Every structure is written in structure tokens, then in C-alpha cells.
Protein backbone atom coordinates (compact mmCIF):
# COMPACT_ATOMS: atom_id res chain seq x y z
CA MET A 1 -14.13 -5.68 -2.41
CA ALA A 2 -15.45 -5.69 1.24
CA ASN A 3 -12.18 -6.26 2.64
CA ILE A 4 -10.59 -3.24 0.54
CA ASP A 5 -13.35 -1.25 2.30
CA LYS A 6 -12.55 -2.46 5.56
CA ILE A 7 -8.76 -1.80 4.89
CA ILE A 8 -9.34 1.87 3.82
CA LYS A 9 -11.58 2.62 6.80
CA LYS A 10 -8.53 1.44 8.94
CA VAL A 11 -6.18 3.73 7.11
CA LYS A 12 -8.70 6.62 7.44
CA LYS A 13 -8.79 5.99 11.07
CA ARG A 14 -4.93 5.57 11.40
CA GLN A 15 -4.92 2.23 12.92
CA LYS A 16 -2.26 -0.15 12.32
CA LEU A 17 -2.38 -2.33 9.33
CA ARG A 18 -1.23 -5.81 8.76
CA PHE A 19 1.43 -6.75 5.98
CA THR A 20 -1.03 -8.60 4.08
CA GLU A 21 -3.45 -5.84 4.20
CA LEU A 22 -0.69 -3.05 2.89
CA CYS A 23 -0.01 -5.50 0.10
CA ALA A 24 -3.74 -5.87 -0.88
CA LEU A 25 -4.04 -2.07 -0.88
CA CYS A 26 -1.00 -1.69 -3.18
CA GLU A 27 -2.66 -4.26 -5.50
CA HIS A 28 -5.82 -2.41 -5.41
CA PHE A 29 -4.26 0.82 -6.47
CA LYS A 30 -2.84 -1.09 -9.51
CA MET A 31 0.49 -1.80 -8.35
CA LYS A 32 2.34 -5.18 -9.05
CA LYS A 33 4.77 -7.03 -6.83
CA LYS A 34 7.95 -6.87 -9.35
CA ARG A 35 10.39 -8.68 -7.00
CA ILE A 36 11.33 -9.63 -3.53
CA SER A 37 14.74 -8.58 -2.19
CA GLY A 38 15.45 -10.00 1.18
CA SER A 39 12.38 -8.95 3.40
CA HIS A 40 11.42 -6.12 1.10
CA HIS A 41 8.69 -6.58 -1.50
CA ILE A 42 8.99 -4.15 -4.14
CA TYR A 43 5.63 -2.92 -5.63
CA LYS A 44 5.47 -0.81 -8.88
CA ARG A 45 2.46 1.03 -10.30
CA ILE A 46 1.70 -0.33 -13.61
CA GLU A 47 -0.41 2.52 -14.77
CA ALA A 48 0.39 6.33 -15.13
CA PRO A 49 1.68 7.87 -12.86
CA PHE A 50 4.18 5.36 -12.21
CA PHE A 51 6.11 5.00 -9.10
CA THR A 52 7.80 2.27 -6.90
CA LEU A 53 7.12 1.48 -3.32
CA PRO A 54 9.24 -0.96 -1.30
CA VAL A 55 7.35 -2.61 1.71
CA GLN A 56 8.34 -5.08 4.44
CA SER A 57 6.75 -6.90 7.33
CA VAL A 58 7.61 -6.50 10.82
CA LYS A 59 6.25 -9.47 12.78
CA GLY A 60 3.31 -9.52 10.51
CA ASP A 61 2.60 -5.83 10.59
CA ALA A 62 3.41 -3.16 7.96
CA LYS A 63 5.61 -0.31 8.90
CA PRO A 64 3.74 2.89 9.44
CA TYR A 65 6.02 5.17 7.44
CA GLN A 66 5.66 2.65 4.26
CA VAL A 67 1.64 3.31 4.68
CA LYS A 68 2.17 6.89 4.66
CA GLN A 69 4.65 6.81 1.76
CA LEU A 70 1.80 5.03 -0.24
CA LEU A 71 -0.63 7.41 0.84
CA ASP A 72 1.73 10.47 -0.10
CA ASN A 73 2.19 9.04 -3.36
CA LEU A 74 -1.38 8.55 -4.23
CA GLU A 75 -2.29 12.08 -2.95
CA SER A 76 0.73 13.66 -4.94
CA ASN A 77 -0.39 12.11 -8.10
CA SER A 78 -3.99 12.78 -7.72
CA ILE A 79 -5.39 9.19 -7.37
CA LYS A 80 -8.64 9.19 -5.60
CA PHE A 81 -8.59 7.53 -2.12
CA VAL A 82 -12.16 7.40 -1.40
CA LYS A 83 -14.46 4.86 0.19
């Protein structure tokens, strides 16, 4: 759990995330990896509200717009993003 806390702090400070950190963040918010299509890893939220998020790695880093998409989906669906 301490690792998730560090990732959330990085997100709040708008620091760059590693791809593995973005995947861990997706799984923390009850998303499961449904499939891999090429370089895209498709995550789907398994509890209501449902949404899908494709993420991909660029030299080991997460794409900033995909991190923003995750945060926007969480915020628009009133899922608490606190730590």
C-alpha cells in the first residue's frame, strides 16, 4: 500500500509516471487488464461506474494524457482520489 501512496503523491505533484506505476494505479481503482492489443493494455473497471482505459508505454513511461484520462474518469464518476 505504501507504493500506491507514493504514486498518488507523484500524480498530485504532476510528476511523470512510469508505465508500471500507471498500471498499479489502475488496479488500485478496481480496474482489471482485459487484454493487450499490440502496445496497448486495455483496462476495464470491474465495479460501477464502468469505463475502459487503454494505456501504453513509451520507453517505460506512461503517456501523460492517459494519466489525465484516468484522473478525469475517476473525478467525473465521483470516485475518491485521496491520500
